[in-house]
PDB file of N, CA and C in Angstrom:
ATOM      1  N   UNK A   1       0.849  -1.164   0.000  1.00  0.00           N
ATOM      2  CA  UNK A   1       0.000   0.000   0.000  1.00  0.00           C
ATOM      3  C   UNK A   1       0.902   1.237   0.000  1.00  0.00           C
ATOM      4  N   UNK A   2       0.533   2.210  -0.836  1.00  0.00           N
ATOM      5  CA  UNK A   2       1.355   3.410  -0.950  1.00  0.00           C
ATOM      6  C   UNK A   2       1.161   4.334   0.248  1.00  0.00           C
ATOM      7  N   UNK A   3       2.025   5.299   0.338  1.00  0.00           N
ATOM      8  CA  UNK A   3       1.968   6.257   1.434  1.00  0.00           C
ATOM      9  C   UNK A   3       0.660   7.040   1.417  1.00  0.00           C
ATOM     10  N   UNK A   4       0.223   7.473   0.235  1.00  0.00           N
ATOM     11  CA  UNK A   4      -1.001   8.266   0.134  1.00  0.00           C
ATOM     12  C   UNK A   4      -2.237   7.463   0.525  1.00  0.00           C
ATOM     13  N   UNK A   5      -2.274   6.207   0.145  1.00  0.00           N
ATOM     14  CA  UNK A   5      -3.419   5.363   0.515  1.00  0.00           C
ATOM     15  C   UNK A   5      -3.383   5.076   2.019  1.00  0.00           C
ATOM     16  N   UNK A   6      -2.194   4.936   2.577  1.00  0.00           N
ATOM     17  CA  UNK A   6      -2.070   4.758   4.023  1.00  0.00           C
ATOM     18  C   UNK A   6      -2.591   5.993   4.759  1.00  0.00           C
ATOM     19  N   UNK A   7      -2.247   7.168   4.258  1.00  0.00           N
ATOM     20  CA  UNK A   7      -2.741   8.415   4.851  1.00  0.00           C
ATOM     21  C   UNK A   7      -4.257   8.492   4.734  1.00  0.00           C
ATOM     22  N   UNK A   8      -4.781   8.170   3.555  1.00  0.00           N
ATOM     23  CA  UNK A   8      -6.236   8.196   3.349  1.00  0.00           C
ATOM     24  C   UNK A   8      -6.930   7.201   4.275  1.00  0.00           C
ATOM     25  N   UNK A   9      -6.341   6.032   4.475  1.00  0.00           N
ATOM     26  CA  UNK A   9      -6.912   5.036   5.388  1.00  0.00           C
ATOM     27  C   UNK A   9      -6.924   5.542   6.825  1.00  0.00           C
ATOM     28  N   UNK A  10      -5.843   6.171   7.244  1.00  0.00           N
ATOM     29  CA  UNK A  10      -5.777   6.734   8.589  1.00  0.00           C
ATOM     30  C   UNK A  10      -6.805   7.838   8.798  1.00  0.00           C
ATOM     31  N   UNK A  11      -6.969   8.692   7.792  1.00  0.00           N
ATOM     32  CA  UNK A  11      -7.965   9.753   7.886  1.00  0.00           C
ATOM     33  C   UNK A  11      -9.382   9.181   7.920  1.00  0.00           C
ATOM     34  N   UNK A  12      -9.636   8.137   7.141  1.00  0.00           N
ATOM     35  CA  UNK A  12     -10.951   7.488   7.179  1.00  0.00           C
ATOM     36  C   UNK A  12     -11.205   6.877   8.556  1.00  0.00           C
ATOM     37  N   UNK A  13     -10.165   6.310   9.173  1.00  0.00           N
ATOM     38  CA  UNK A  13     -10.300   5.774  10.521  1.00  0.00           C
ATOM     39  C   UNK A  13     -10.611   6.867  11.533  1.00  0.00           C
ATOM     40  N   UNK A  14      -9.961   8.015  11.392  1.00  0.00           N
ATOM     41  CA  UNK A  14     -10.243   9.159  12.264  1.00  0.00           C
ATOM     42  C   UNK A  14     -11.679   9.646  12.054  1.00  0.00           C
ATOM     43  N   UNK A  15     -12.121   9.658  10.801  1.00  0.00           N
ATOM     44  CA  UNK A  15     -13.504  10.042  10.498  1.00  0.00           C
ATOM     45  C   UNK A  15     -14.495   9.107  11.174  1.00  0.00           C
ATOM     46  N   UNK A  16     -14.186   7.826  11.190  1.00  0.00           N
ATOM     47  CA  UNK A  16     -15.057   6.852  11.859  1.00  0.00           C
ATOM     48  C   UNK A  16     -15.178   7.191  13.346  1.00  0.00           C
ATOM     49  N   UNK A  17     -14.077   7.524  13.975  1.00  0.00           N
ATOM     50  CA  UNK A  17     -14.113   7.882  15.400  1.00  0.00           C
ATOM     51  C   UNK A  17     -14.929   9.147  15.645  1.00  0.00           C
ATOM     52  N   UNK A  18     -14.735  10.166  14.801  1.00  0.00           N
ATOM     53  CA  UNK A  18     -15.492  11.402  14.949  1.00  0.00           C
ATOM     54  C   UNK A  18     -16.986  11.159  14.724  1.00  0.00           C
ATOM     55  N   UNK A  19     -17.312  10.368  13.715  1.00  0.00           N
ATOM     56  CA  UNK A  19     -18.717  10.074  13.425  1.00  0.00           C
ATOM     57  C   UNK A  19     -19.359   9.236  14.521  1.00  0.00           C
ATOM     58  N   UNK A  20     -18.597   8.348  15.119  1.00  0.00           N
ATOM     59  CA  UNK A  20     -19.132   7.558  16.225  1.00  0.00           C
ATOM     60  C   UNK A  20     -19.463   8.468  17.410  1.00  0.00           C
ATOM     61  N   UNK A  21     -18.586   9.417  17.696  1.00  0.00           N
ATOM     62  CA  UNK A  21     -18.845  10.357  18.786  1.00  0.00           C
ATOM     63  C   UNK A  21     -20.072  11.214  18.487  1.00  0.00           C
ATOM     64  N   UNK A  22     -20.177  11.693  17.246  1.00  0.00           N
ATOM     65  CA  UNK A  22     -21.341  12.484  16.865  1.00  0.00           C
ATOM     66  C   UNK A  22     -22.623  11.660  16.962  1.00  0.00           C
ATOM     67  N   UNK A  23     -22.565  10.421  16.538  1.00  0.00           N
ATOM     68  CA  UNK A  23     -23.748   9.549  16.576  1.00  0.00           C
ATOM     69  C   UNK A  23     -24.235   9.341  18.003  1.00  0.00           C
ATOM     70  N   UNK A  24     -23.300   9.166  18.928  1.00  0.00           N
ATOM     71  CA  UNK A  24     -23.677   8.972  20.328  1.00  0.00           C
ATOM     72  C   UNK A  24     -24.395  10.207  20.860  1.00  0.00           C
ATOM     73  N   UNK A  25     -23.849  11.381  20.584  1.00  0.00           N
ATOM     74  CA  UNK A  25     -24.455  12.625  21.072  1.00  0.00           C
ATOM     75  C   UNK A  25     -25.829  12.820  20.444  1.00  0.00           C
ATOM     76  N   UNK A  26     -25.911  12.636  19.119  1.00  0.00           N
ATOM     77  CA  UNK A  26     -27.178  12.875  18.432  1.00  0.00           C
ATOM     78  C   UNK A  26     -28.233  11.833  18.801  1.00  0.00           C
ATOM     79  N   UNK A  27     -27.828  10.612  19.047  1.00  0.00           N
ATOM     80  CA  UNK A  27     -28.787   9.597  19.490  1.00  0.00           C
ATOM     81  C   UNK A  27     -29.334   9.951  20.864  1.00  0.00           C
ATOM     82  N   UNK A  28     -28.463  10.374  21.756  1.00  0.00           N
ATOM     83  CA  UNK A  28     -28.902  10.793  23.092  1.00  0.00           C
ATOM     84  C   UNK A  28     -29.853  11.995  23.003  1.00  0.00           C
ATOM     85  N   UNK A  29     -29.511  12.955  22.140  1.00  0.00           N
ATOM     86  CA  UNK A  29     -30.369  14.128  21.970  1.00  0.00           C
ATOM     87  C   UNK A  29     -31.714  13.753  21.340  1.00  0.00           C
ATOM     88  N   UNK A  30     -31.700  12.829  20.396  1.00  0.00           N
ATOM     89  CA  UNK A  30     -32.957  12.427  19.772  1.00  0.00           C
ATOM     90  C   UNK A  30     -33.866  11.725  20.782  1.00  0.00           C
ATOM     91  N   UNK A  31     -33.313  10.889  21.605  1.00  0.00           N
ATOM     92  CA  UNK A  31     -34.110  10.210  22.627  1.00  0.00           C
ATOM     93  C   UNK A  31     -34.739  11.212  23.593  1.00  0.00           C
ATOM     94  N   UNK A  32     -34.038  12.303  23.835  1.00  0.00           N
ATOM     95  CA  UNK A  32     -34.543  13.292  24.777  1.00  0.00           C
ATOM     96  C   UNK A  32     -35.561  14.236  24.128  1.00  0.00           C
ATOM     97  N   UNK A  33     -35.277  14.718  22.898  1.00  0.00           N
ATOM     98  CA  UNK A  33     -36.092  15.775  22.304  1.00  0.00           C
ATOM     99  C   UNK A  33     -37.043  15.306  21.205  1.00  0.00           C
ATOM    100  N   UNK A  34     -36.777  14.171  20.570  1.00  0.00           N
ATOM    101  CA  UNK A  34     -37.591  13.647  19.461  1.00  0.00           C
ATOM    102  C   UNK A  34     -37.745  14.656  18.319  1.00  0.00           C
ATOM    103  N   UNK A  35     -36.690  15.375  18.031  1.00  0.00           N
ATOM    104  CA  UNK A  35     -36.700  16.393  16.987  1.00  0.00           C
ATOM    105  C   UNK A  35     -36.356  15.777  15.631  1.00  0.00           C
ATOM    106  N   UNK A  36     -37.114  16.124  14.567  1.00  0.00           N
ATOM    107  CA  UNK A  36     -36.776  15.617  13.232  1.00  0.00           C
ATOM    108  C   UNK A  36     -35.399  16.078  12.754  1.00  0.00           C
ATOM    109  N   UNK A  37     -34.993  17.275  13.180  1.00  0.00           N
ATOM    110  CA  UNK A  37     -33.669  17.763  12.799  1.00  0.00           C
ATOM    111  C   UNK A  37     -32.573  16.876  13.373  1.00  0.00           C
ATOM    112  N   UNK A  38     -32.693  16.508  14.624  1.00  0.00           N
ATOM    113  CA  UNK A  38     -31.695  15.645  15.255  1.00  0.00           C
ATOM    114  C   UNK A  38     -31.722  14.258  14.615  1.00  0.00           C
ATOM    115  N   UNK A  39     -32.912  13.778  14.251  1.00  0.00           N
ATOM    116  CA  UNK A  39     -33.007  12.496  13.556  1.00  0.00           C
ATOM    117  C   UNK A  39     -32.294  12.563  12.203  1.00  0.00           C
ATOM    118  N   UNK A  40     -32.418  13.694  11.525  1.00  0.00           N
ATOM    119  CA  UNK A  40     -31.696  13.889  10.261  1.00  0.00           C
ATOM    120  C   UNK A  40     -30.189  13.882  10.459  1.00  0.00           C
ATOM    121  N   UNK A  41     -29.729  14.516  11.523  1.00  0.00           N
ATOM    122  CA  UNK A  41     -28.294  14.507  11.822  1.00  0.00           C
ATOM    123  C   UNK A  41     -27.812  13.098  12.147  1.00  0.00           C
ATOM    124  N   UNK A  42     -28.630  12.353  12.860  1.00  0.00           N
ATOM    125  CA  UNK A  42     -28.288  10.967  13.184  1.00  0.00           C
ATOM    126  C   UNK A  42     -28.219  10.116  11.920  1.00  0.00           C
ATOM    127  N   UNK A  43     -29.164  10.313  11.010  1.00  0.00           N
ATOM    128  CA  UNK A  43     -29.138   9.586   9.734  1.00  0.00           C
ATOM    129  C   UNK A  43     -27.899   9.961   8.924  1.00  0.00           C
ATOM    130  N   UNK A  44     -27.563  11.250   8.912  1.00  0.00           N
ATOM    131  CA  UNK A  44     -26.367  11.721   8.221  1.00  0.00           C
ATOM    132  C   UNK A  44     -25.115  11.026   8.755  1.00  0.00           C
ATOM    133  N   UNK A  45     -24.982  10.997  10.072  1.00  0.00           N
ATOM    134  CA  UNK A  45     -23.784  10.388  10.660  1.00  0.00           C
ATOM    135  C   UNK A  45     -23.731   8.886  10.381  1.00  0.00           C
ATOM    136  N   UNK A  46     -24.884   8.234  10.355  1.00  0.00           N
ATOM    137  CA  UNK A  46     -24.912   6.799  10.076  1.00  0.00           C
ATOM    138  C   UNK A  46     -24.468   6.509   8.645  1.00  0.00           C
ATOM    139  N   UNK A  47     -24.976   7.290   7.694  1.00  0.00           N
ATOM    140  CA  UNK A  47     -24.595   7.095   6.290  1.00  0.00           C
ATOM    141  C   UNK A  47     -23.106   7.374   6.097  1.00  0.00           C
ATOM    142  N   UNK A  48     -22.614   8.446   6.699  1.00  0.00           N
ATOM    143  CA  UNK A  48     -21.195   8.772   6.565  1.00  0.00           C
ATOM    144  C   UNK A  48     -20.312   7.721   7.249  1.00  0.00           C
ATOM    145  N   UNK A  49     -20.799   7.158   8.334  1.00  0.00           N
ATOM    146  CA  UNK A  49     -20.066   6.100   9.025  1.00  0.00           C
ATOM    147  C   UNK A  49     -19.940   4.877   8.137  1.00  0.00           C
ATOM    148  N   UNK A  50     -21.017   4.480   7.501  1.00  0.00           N
ATOM    149  CA  UNK A  50     -20.990   3.327   6.591  1.00  0.00           C
ATOM    150  C   UNK A  50     -20.057   3.611   5.412  1.00  0.00           C
ATOM    151  N   UNK A  51     -20.112   4.838   4.884  1.00  0.00           N
ATOM    152  CA  UNK A  51     -19.252   5.201   3.754  1.00  0.00           C
ATOM    153  C   UNK A  51     -17.778   5.118   4.135  1.00  0.00           C
ATOM    154  N   UNK A  52     -17.412   5.613   5.306  1.00  0.00           N
ATOM    155  CA  UNK A  52     -16.011   5.576   5.732  1.00  0.00           C
ATOM    156  C   UNK A  52     -15.547   4.158   6.033  1.00  0.00           C
ATOM    157  N   UNK A  53     -16.404   3.342   6.619  1.00  0.00           N
ATOM    158  CA  UNK A  53     -16.037   1.940   6.848  1.00  0.00           C
ATOM    159  C   UNK A  53     -15.862   1.207   5.523  1.00  0.00           C
ATOM    160  N   UNK A  54     -16.731   1.500   4.561  1.00  0.00           N
ATOM    161  CA  UNK A  54     -16.572   0.920   3.222  1.00  0.00           C
ATOM    162  C   UNK A  54     -15.281   1.358   2.561  1.00  0.00           C
ATOM    163  N   UNK A  55     -14.921   2.626   2.724  1.00  0.00           N
ATOM    164  CA  UNK A  55     -13.670   3.130   2.156  1.00  0.00           C
ATOM    165  C   UNK A  55     -12.469   2.412   2.760  1.00  0.00           C
ATOM    166  N   UNK A  56     -12.477   2.235   4.072  1.00  0.00           N
ATOM    167  CA  UNK A  56     -11.373   1.527   4.728  1.00  0.00           C
ATOM    168  C   UNK A  56     -11.266   0.107   4.190  1.00  0.00           C
ATOM    169  N   UNK A  57     -12.398  -0.568   4.046  1.00  0.00           N
ATOM    170  CA  UNK A  57     -12.400  -1.928   3.506  1.00  0.00           C
ATOM    171  C   UNK A  57     -11.775  -1.951   2.109  1.00  0.00           C
ATOM    172  N   UNK A  58     -12.189  -1.032   1.250  1.00  0.00           N
ATOM    173  CA  UNK A  58     -11.662  -1.029  -0.111  1.00  0.00           C
ATOM    174  C   UNK A  58     -10.214  -0.575  -0.179  1.00  0.00           C
ATOM    175  N   UNK A  59      -9.789   0.293   0.713  1.00  0.00           N
ATOM    176  CA  UNK A  59      -8.380   0.689   0.725  1.00  0.00           C
ATOM    177  C   UNK A  59      -7.497  -0.531   1.002  1.00  0.00           C
ATOM    178  N   UNK A  60      -7.931  -1.400   1.906  1.00  0.00           N
ATOM    179  CA  UNK A  60      -7.114  -2.559   2.255  1.00  0.00           C
ATOM    180  C   UNK A  60      -7.314  -3.739   1.312  1.00  0.00           C
ATOM    181  N   UNK A  61      -8.504  -3.897   0.764  1.00  0.00           N
ATOM    182  CA  UNK A  61      -8.752  -5.074  -0.069  1.00  0.00           C
ATOM    183  C   UNK A  61      -8.512  -4.819  -1.550  1.00  0.00           C
ATOM    184  N   UNK A  62      -8.642  -3.563  -2.000  1.00  0.00           N
ATOM    185  CA  UNK A  62      -8.512  -3.276  -3.427  1.00  0.00           C
ATOM    186  C   UNK A  62      -7.635  -2.058  -3.659  1.00  0.00           C
ATOM    187  N   UNK A  63      -6.486  -2.045  -3.053  1.00  0.00           N
ATOM    188  CA  UNK A  63      -5.571  -0.925  -3.201  1.00  0.00           C
ATOM    189  C   UNK A  63      -5.136  -0.692  -4.629  1.00  0.00           C
ATOM    190  N   UNK A  64      -5.268  -1.726  -5.472  1.00  0.00           N
ATOM    191  CA  UNK A  64      -4.822  -1.594  -6.851  1.00  0.00           C
ATOM    192  C   UNK A  64      -5.703  -0.645  -7.656  1.00  0.00           C
ATOM    193  N   UNK A  65      -6.876  -0.255  -7.140  1.00  0.00           N
ATOM    194  CA  UNK A  65      -7.716   0.691  -7.859  1.00  0.00           C
ATOM    195  C   UNK A  65      -6.995   2.020  -8.064  1.00  0.00           C
ATOM    196  N   UNK A  66      -6.186   2.420  -7.102  1.00  0.00           N
ATOM    197  CA  UNK A  66      -5.467   3.686  -7.175  1.00  0.00           C
ATOM    198  C   UNK A  66      -3.976   3.491  -7.447  1.00  0.00           C
ATOM    199  N   UNK A  67      -3.550   2.260  -7.634  1.00  0.00           N
ATOM    200  CA  UNK A  67      -2.114   1.963  -7.692  1.00  0.00           C
ATOM    201  C   UNK A  67      -1.416   2.590  -8.885  1.00  0.00           C
ATOM    202  N   UNK A  68      -2.099   2.737  -9.990  1.00  0.00           N
ATOM    203  CA  UNK A  68      -1.413   3.184 -11.198  1.00  0.00           C
ATOM    204  C   UNK A  68      -1.260   4.697 -11.289  1.00  0.00           C
ATOM    205  N   UNK A  69      -1.960   5.452 -10.491  1.00  0.00           N
ATOM    206  CA  UNK A  69      -1.919   6.908 -10.632  1.00  0.00           C
ATOM    207  C   UNK A  69      -1.688   7.597  -9.291  1.00  0.00           C
ATOM    208  N   UNK A  70      -0.474   8.102  -9.063  1.00  0.00           N
ATOM    209  CA  UNK A  70      -0.188   8.800  -7.810  1.00  0.00           C
ATOM    210  C   UNK A  70      -1.058  10.049  -7.611  1.00  0.00           C
ATOM    211  N   UNK A  71      -1.447  10.707  -8.699  1.00  0.00           N
ATOM    212  CA  UNK A  71      -2.305  11.888  -8.577  1.00  0.00           C
ATOM    213  C   UNK A  71      -3.670  11.497  -7.996  1.00  0.00           C
ATOM    214  N   UNK A  72      -4.197  10.351  -8.411  1.00  0.00           N
ATOM    215  CA  UNK A  72      -5.472   9.873  -7.865  1.00  0.00           C
ATOM    216  C   UNK A  72      -5.328   9.562  -6.382  1.00  0.00           C
ATOM    217  N   UNK A  73      -4.210   8.989  -5.999  1.00  0.00           N
ATOM    218  CA  UNK A  73      -3.968   8.684  -4.586  1.00  0.00           C
ATOM    219  C   UNK A  73      -3.926   9.967  -3.758  1.00  0.00           C
ATOM    220  N   UNK A  74      -3.240  10.984  -4.266  1.00  0.00           N
ATOM    221  CA  UNK A  74      -3.155  12.261  -3.558  1.00  0.00           C
ATOM    222  C   UNK A  74      -4.528  12.916  -3.463  1.00  0.00           C
ATOM    223  N   UNK A  75      -5.318  12.813  -4.534  1.00  0.00           N
ATOM    224  CA  UNK A  75      -6.654  13.401  -4.539  1.00  0.00           C
ATOM    225  C   UNK A  75      -7.562  12.718  -3.518  1.00  0.00           C
ATOM    226  N   UNK A  76      -7.498  11.387  -3.458  1.00  0.00           N
ATOM    227  CA  UNK A  76      -8.298  10.640  -2.482  1.00  0.00           C
ATOM    228  C   UNK A  76      -7.893  11.030  -1.060  1.00  0.00           C
ATOM    229  N   UNK A  77      -6.608  11.138  -0.814  1.00  0.00           N
ATOM    230  CA  UNK A  77      -6.132  11.540   0.520  1.00  0.00           C
ATOM    231  C   UNK A  77      -6.574  12.968   0.843  1.00  0.00           C
ATOM    232  N   UNK A  78      -6.537  13.860  -0.146  1.00  0.00           N
ATOM    233  CA  UNK A  78      -6.971  15.244   0.079  1.00  0.00           C
ATOM    234  C   UNK A  78      -8.465  15.304   0.402  1.00  0.00           C
ATOM    235  N   UNK A  79      -9.268  14.524  -0.300  1.00  0.00           N
ATOM    236  CA  UNK A  79     -10.703  14.493  -0.013  1.00  0.00           C
ATOM    237  C   UNK A  79     -10.979  13.966   1.386  1.00  0.00           C
ATOM    238  N   UNK A  80     -10.255  12.915   1.778  1.00  0.00           N
ATOM    239  CA  UNK A  80     -10.412  12.389   3.150  1.00  0.00           C
ATOM    240  C   UNK A  80      -9.989  13.439   4.160  1.00  0.00           C
ATOM    241  N   UNK A  81      -8.936  14.197   3.850  1.00  0.00           N
ATOM    242  CA  UNK A  81      -8.481  15.255   4.748  1.00  0.00           C
ATOM    243  C   UNK A  81      -9.517  16.361   4.901  1.00  0.00           C
ATOM    244  N   UNK A  82     -10.142  16.772   3.792  1.00  0.00           N
ATOM    245  CA  UNK A  82     -11.198  17.784   3.862  1.00  0.00           C
ATOM    246  C   UNK A  82     -12.389  17.281   4.675  1.00  0.00           C
ATOM    247  N   UNK A  83     -12.731  16.020   4.491  1.00  0.00           N
ATOM    248  CA  UNK A  83     -13.824  15.433   5.269  1.00  0.00           C
ATOM    249  C   UNK A  83     -13.482  15.431   6.757  1.00  0.00           C
ATOM    250  N   UNK A  84     -12.249  15.123   7.080  1.00  0.00           N
ATOM    251  CA  UNK A  84     -11.814  15.117   8.474  1.00  0.00           C
ATOM    252  C   UNK A  84     -11.912  16.513   9.079  1.00  0.00           C
ATOM    253  N   UNK A  85     -11.499  17.522   8.347  1.00  0.00           N
ATOM    254  CA  UNK A  85     -11.588  18.898   8.840  1.00  0.00           C
ATOM    255  C   UNK A  85     -13.049  19.273   9.079  1.00  0.00           C
ATOM    256  N   UNK A  86     -13.920  18.950   8.135  1.00  0.00           N
ATOM    257  CA  UNK A  86     -15.343  19.268   8.282  1.00  0.00           C
ATOM    258  C   UNK A  86     -15.942  18.552   9.495  1.00  0.00           C
ATOM    259  N   UNK A  87     -15.614  17.280   9.653  1.00  0.00           N
ATOM    260  CA  UNK A  87     -16.146  16.531  10.791  1.00  0.00           C
ATOM    261  C   UNK A  87     -15.563  17.023  12.117  1.00  0.00           C
ATOM    262  N   UNK A  88     -14.316  17.465  12.097  1.00  0.00           N
ATOM    263  CA  UNK A  88     -13.717  18.012  13.317  1.00  0.00           C
ATOM    264  C   UNK A  88     -14.457  19.275  13.752  1.00  0.00           C
ATOM    265  N   UNK A  89     -14.774  20.171  12.812  1.00  0.00           N
ATOM    266  CA  UNK A  89     -15.552  21.361  13.137  1.00  0.00           C
ATOM    267  C   UNK A  89     -16.933  20.981  13.658  1.00  0.00           C
ATOM    268  N   UNK A  90     -17.581  20.050  12.980  1.00  0.00           N
ATOM    269  CA  UNK A  90     -18.921  19.622  13.382  1.00  0.00           C
ATOM    270  C   UNK A  90     -18.897  18.980  14.772  1.00  0.00           C
ATOM    271  N   UNK A  91     -17.891  18.185  15.036  1.00  0.00           N
ATOM    272  CA  UNK A  91     -17.761  17.564  16.349  1.00  0.00           C
ATOM    273  C   UNK A  91     -17.521  18.613  17.426  1.00  0.00           C
ATOM    274  N   UNK A  92     -16.680  19.579  17.121  1.00  0.00           N
ATOM    275  CA  UNK A  92     -16.380  20.636  18.091  1.00  0.00           C
ATOM    276  C   UNK A  92     -17.642  21.409  18.464  1.00  0.00           C
ATOM    277  N   UNK A  93     -18.411  21.852  17.453  1.00  0.00           N
ATOM    278  CA  UNK A  93     -19.598  22.658  17.758  1.00  0.00           C
ATOM    279  C   UNK A  93     -20.700  21.809  18.392  1.00  0.00           C
ATOM    280  N   UNK A  94     -20.740  20.517  18.091  1.00  0.00           N
ATOM    281  CA  UNK A  94     -21.742  19.646  18.696  1.00  0.00           C
ATOM    282  C   UNK A  94     -21.449  19.444  20.168  1.00  0.00           C
ATOM    283  N   UNK A  95     -20.192  19.308  20.528  1.00  0.00           N
ATOM    284  CA  UNK A  95     -19.827  19.065  21.927  1.00  0.00           C
ATOM    285  C   UNK A  95     -19.900  20.326  22.773  1.00  0.00           C
ATOM    286  N   UNK A  96     -20.032  21.495  22.135  1.00  0.00           N
ATOM    287  CA  UNK A  96     -20.113  22.760  22.888  1.00  0.00           C
ATOM    288  C   UNK A  96     -21.442  22.931  23.537  1.00  0.00           C
TER     289      UNK A  96
END
């Protein structure tokens, strides 16, 4: 596995942790308030959690998808990095 795919895998793993924390908070809030908005946030975190777990699976099982093009590897890592930044902000404001 290349360095860029390793970085992308690590960022996807970090995203899973952030999404798990968000899911716990939003599930607790939904149980308390029964708000459709909070239910939407919970659905969002669940879908993103499944997507990141799927990405980790494919990074380890099918690394050859990105093997031929280093630019594609860098782009995938950059997208995972942007997602991590967005989730970090969302996690920060949710925990406030």
